[in-house]
Amino acid sequence: MGKFRGMKSIKFIIEKTKTGYSAYCAEKPIFTTGLNIYKLQTNALEATNLYLEEFGKKYLWIKLDLNSIFNNFLNIIK
């Protein structure tokens, strides 16, 4: 974990929409959409990296909490 020490989390709120999914960060002006959860992940990474470029940051790592995603969206997907 050495090189990741001190990293901060950016949490997204994910919602099911008529056309796929949307995600936004409550703490920062970052938001995106995607036709499926995989495209949403890619778009969220791109949107976050664009935001971080404004502050001179170079790297962003995504850690998906799949248990949370599946537990929260099983009823929505049905």
N, C-alpha and C. Protein backbone atom coordinates (compact mmCIF):
# COMPACT_ATOMS: atom_id res chain seq x y z
N MET A 1 0.82 -1.20 0.00
CA MET A 1 0.00 0.00 0.00
C MET A 1 0.86 1.26 0.00
N GLY A 2 2.16 1.15 0.04
CA GLY A 2 3.06 2.28 0.17
C GLY A 2 2.79 3.44 -0.75
N LYS A 3 2.71 3.22 -2.05
CA LYS A 3 2.55 4.34 -2.97
C LYS A 3 1.13 4.92 -2.98
N PHE A 4 0.17 4.23 -2.34
CA PHE A 4 -1.20 4.73 -2.29
C PHE A 4 -1.52 5.43 -0.98
N ARG A 5 -0.55 5.50 -0.10
CA ARG A 5 -0.75 6.13 1.20
C ARG A 5 -1.15 7.59 1.00
N GLY A 6 -2.13 8.03 1.75
CA GLY A 6 -2.56 9.41 1.67
C GLY A 6 -3.56 9.70 0.55
N MET A 7 -3.94 8.67 -0.20
CA MET A 7 -4.92 8.88 -1.28
C MET A 7 -6.28 9.20 -0.67
N LYS A 8 -7.01 10.02 -1.35
CA LYS A 8 -8.35 10.37 -0.91
C LYS A 8 -9.36 9.69 -1.82
N SER A 9 -10.51 9.42 -1.27
CA SER A 9 -11.59 8.79 -2.03
C SER A 9 -12.48 9.84 -2.67
N ILE A 10 -12.94 9.53 -3.83
CA ILE A 10 -13.98 10.33 -4.48
C ILE A 10 -15.15 9.37 -4.68
N LYS A 11 -16.22 9.62 -3.97
CA LYS A 11 -17.37 8.72 -4.01
C LYS A 11 -18.42 9.26 -4.96
N PHE A 12 -18.99 8.35 -5.75
CA PHE A 12 -20.05 8.70 -6.68
C PHE A 12 -21.38 8.11 -6.23
N ILE A 13 -22.41 8.84 -6.48
CA ILE A 13 -23.77 8.34 -6.29
C ILE A 13 -24.24 7.89 -7.65
N ILE A 14 -24.66 6.63 -7.75
CA ILE A 14 -25.06 6.04 -9.03
C ILE A 14 -26.56 5.85 -9.03
N GLU A 15 -27.17 6.26 -10.13
CA GLU A 15 -28.63 6.12 -10.28
C GLU A 15 -28.96 5.46 -11.61
N LYS A 16 -29.97 4.65 -11.60
CA LYS A 16 -30.50 4.04 -12.82
C LYS A 16 -31.38 5.07 -13.50
N THR A 17 -31.22 5.22 -14.82
CA THR A 17 -32.04 6.17 -15.58
C THR A 17 -32.77 5.42 -16.69
N LYS A 18 -33.60 6.11 -17.43
CA LYS A 18 -34.32 5.49 -18.56
C LYS A 18 -33.38 5.04 -19.66
N THR A 19 -32.23 5.69 -19.77
CA THR A 19 -31.29 5.38 -20.86
C THR A 19 -30.03 4.68 -20.38
N GLY A 20 -29.95 4.30 -19.12
CA GLY A 20 -28.76 3.63 -18.60
C GLY A 20 -28.52 4.00 -17.16
N TYR A 21 -27.38 4.65 -16.91
CA TYR A 21 -27.00 5.03 -15.55
C TYR A 21 -26.42 6.44 -15.54
N SER A 22 -26.51 7.08 -14.39
CA SER A 22 -25.85 8.35 -14.18
C SER A 22 -25.08 8.27 -12.87
N ALA A 23 -24.02 9.06 -12.77
CA ALA A 23 -23.21 9.10 -11.55
C ALA A 23 -22.78 10.53 -11.31
N TYR A 24 -22.77 10.92 -10.04
CA TYR A 24 -22.30 12.25 -9.69
C TYR A 24 -21.62 12.20 -8.33
N CYS A 25 -20.73 13.12 -8.13
CA CYS A 25 -20.02 13.26 -6.87
C CYS A 25 -20.68 14.39 -6.09
N ALA A 26 -21.09 14.12 -4.86
CA ALA A 26 -21.77 15.13 -4.06
C ALA A 26 -20.81 16.23 -3.60
N GLU A 27 -19.53 15.91 -3.45
CA GLU A 27 -18.57 16.87 -2.93
C GLU A 27 -17.87 17.71 -4.00
N LYS A 28 -17.88 17.25 -5.23
CA LYS A 28 -17.15 17.93 -6.30
C LYS A 28 -18.03 18.01 -7.56
N PRO A 29 -17.76 18.96 -8.43
CA PRO A 29 -18.59 19.10 -9.65
C PRO A 29 -18.19 18.07 -10.72
N ILE A 30 -18.39 16.80 -10.40
CA ILE A 30 -18.06 15.72 -11.34
C ILE A 30 -19.32 14.90 -11.56
N PHE A 31 -19.68 14.71 -12.82
CA PHE A 31 -20.87 13.91 -13.13
C PHE A 31 -20.73 13.32 -14.53
N THR A 32 -21.44 12.22 -14.77
CA THR A 32 -21.37 11.56 -16.07
C THR A 32 -22.53 10.60 -16.22
N THR A 33 -22.64 10.00 -17.41
CA THR A 33 -23.66 8.99 -17.68
C THR A 33 -23.02 7.84 -18.44
N GLY A 34 -23.75 6.74 -18.54
CA GLY A 34 -23.29 5.59 -19.31
C GLY A 34 -24.45 4.66 -19.62
N LEU A 35 -24.37 4.00 -20.76
CA LEU A 35 -25.43 3.07 -21.15
C LEU A 35 -25.48 1.85 -20.25
N ASN A 36 -24.32 1.45 -19.72
CA ASN A 36 -24.26 0.32 -18.79
C ASN A 36 -23.25 0.66 -17.70
N ILE A 37 -23.13 -0.22 -16.70
CA ILE A 37 -22.29 0.09 -15.55
C ILE A 37 -20.81 0.14 -15.94
N TYR A 38 -20.42 -0.62 -16.94
CA TYR A 38 -19.02 -0.62 -17.38
C TYR A 38 -18.68 0.68 -18.10
N LYS A 39 -19.58 1.17 -18.95
CA LYS A 39 -19.36 2.44 -19.63
C LYS A 39 -19.41 3.59 -18.63
N LEU A 40 -20.28 3.46 -17.63
CA LEU A 40 -20.35 4.48 -16.58
C LEU A 40 -19.02 4.57 -15.83
N GLN A 41 -18.42 3.43 -15.53
CA GLN A 41 -17.12 3.42 -14.85
C GLN A 41 -16.06 4.13 -15.69
N THR A 42 -16.01 3.80 -16.98
CA THR A 42 -15.04 4.44 -17.88
C THR A 42 -15.28 5.95 -17.93
N ASN A 43 -16.53 6.35 -18.07
CA ASN A 43 -16.86 7.78 -18.16
C ASN A 43 -16.58 8.50 -16.84
N ALA A 44 -16.82 7.84 -15.71
CA ALA A 44 -16.54 8.45 -14.41
C ALA A 44 -15.04 8.66 -14.23
N LEU A 45 -14.24 7.71 -14.67
CA LEU A 45 -12.79 7.85 -14.60
C LEU A 45 -12.33 9.03 -15.46
N GLU A 46 -12.85 9.11 -16.67
CA GLU A 46 -12.48 10.21 -17.57
C GLU A 46 -12.91 11.56 -17.00
N ALA A 47 -14.14 11.65 -16.51
CA ALA A 47 -14.63 12.92 -15.95
C ALA A 47 -13.82 13.33 -14.73
N THR A 48 -13.47 12.37 -13.89
CA THR A 48 -12.68 12.68 -12.69
C THR A 48 -11.28 13.11 -13.06
N ASN A 49 -10.67 12.44 -14.02
CA ASN A 49 -9.32 12.83 -14.45
C ASN A 49 -9.33 14.23 -15.05
N LEU A 50 -10.36 14.58 -15.79
CA LEU A 50 -10.46 15.94 -16.34
C LEU A 50 -10.56 16.96 -15.21
N TYR A 51 -11.35 16.63 -14.21
CA TYR A 51 -11.48 17.52 -13.05
C TYR A 51 -10.13 17.67 -12.32
N LEU A 52 -9.44 16.53 -12.11
CA LEU A 52 -8.18 16.56 -11.38
C LEU A 52 -7.07 17.28 -12.14
N GLU A 53 -7.14 17.28 -13.47
CA GLU A 53 -6.15 18.00 -14.26
C GLU A 53 -6.12 19.49 -13.91
N GLU A 54 -7.26 20.01 -13.53
CA GLU A 54 -7.33 21.43 -13.14
C GLU A 54 -6.48 21.72 -11.91
N PHE A 55 -6.22 20.69 -11.11
CA PHE A 55 -5.47 20.86 -9.87
C PHE A 55 -4.09 20.24 -9.94
N GLY A 56 -3.63 19.86 -11.12
CA GLY A 56 -2.29 19.33 -11.30
C GLY A 56 -2.08 17.91 -10.83
N LYS A 57 -3.14 17.17 -10.62
CA LYS A 57 -3.01 15.77 -10.22
C LYS A 57 -2.75 14.93 -11.46
N LYS A 58 -2.04 13.81 -11.29
CA LYS A 58 -1.68 13.01 -12.45
C LYS A 58 -2.32 11.64 -12.50
N TYR A 59 -2.66 11.07 -11.35
CA TYR A 59 -3.10 9.69 -11.35
C TYR A 59 -4.41 9.53 -10.60
N LEU A 60 -5.21 8.63 -11.10
CA LEU A 60 -6.45 8.27 -10.42
C LEU A 60 -6.63 6.78 -10.55
N TRP A 61 -6.89 6.13 -9.45
CA TRP A 61 -7.15 4.70 -9.43
C TRP A 61 -8.59 4.50 -9.02
N ILE A 62 -9.28 3.59 -9.68
CA ILE A 62 -10.67 3.30 -9.33
C ILE A 62 -10.75 1.97 -8.62
N LYS A 63 -11.45 1.97 -7.52
CA LYS A 63 -11.74 0.75 -6.80
C LYS A 63 -13.26 0.63 -6.75
N LEU A 64 -13.78 -0.35 -7.44
CA LEU A 64 -15.22 -0.56 -7.44
C LEU A 64 -15.62 -1.40 -6.26
N ASP A 65 -16.63 -0.97 -5.56
CA ASP A 65 -17.21 -1.76 -4.49
C ASP A 65 -18.41 -2.50 -5.08
N LEU A 66 -18.13 -3.62 -5.74
CA LEU A 66 -19.17 -4.34 -6.47
C LEU A 66 -20.27 -4.85 -5.56
N ASN A 67 -19.95 -5.22 -4.34
CA ASN A 67 -21.00 -5.67 -3.43
C ASN A 67 -22.04 -4.57 -3.21
N SER A 68 -21.58 -3.35 -3.02
CA SER A 68 -22.51 -2.23 -2.84
C SER A 68 -23.34 -1.99 -4.09
N ILE A 69 -22.68 -2.05 -5.24
CA ILE A 69 -23.40 -1.83 -6.49
C ILE A 69 -24.49 -2.86 -6.67
N PHE A 70 -24.15 -4.13 -6.51
CA PHE A 70 -25.15 -5.18 -6.72
C PHE A 70 -26.23 -5.15 -5.65
N ASN A 71 -25.87 -4.92 -4.40
CA ASN A 71 -26.88 -4.86 -3.34
C ASN A 71 -27.85 -3.71 -3.54
N ASN A 72 -27.36 -2.58 -4.00
CA ASN A 72 -28.21 -1.40 -4.16
C ASN A 72 -29.03 -1.41 -5.44
N PHE A 73 -28.59 -2.14 -6.46
CA PHE A 73 -29.26 -2.05 -7.75
C PHE A 73 -30.00 -3.31 -8.19
N LEU A 74 -29.97 -4.36 -7.38
CA LEU A 74 -30.70 -5.56 -7.76
C LEU A 74 -32.18 -5.28 -7.97
N ASN A 75 -32.77 -4.49 -7.11
CA ASN A 75 -34.19 -4.17 -7.25
C ASN A 75 -34.47 -3.22 -8.39
N ILE A 76 -33.54 -2.34 -8.70
CA ILE A 76 -33.74 -1.39 -9.80
C ILE A 76 -33.67 -2.08 -11.14
N ILE A 77 -32.76 -3.01 -11.29
CA ILE A 77 -32.54 -3.67 -12.57
C ILE A 77 -33.70 -4.57 -12.97
N LYS A 78 -34.40 -5.12 -11.97
CA LYS A 78 -35.50 -6.05 -12.25
C LYS A 78 -36.61 -5.42 -13.05
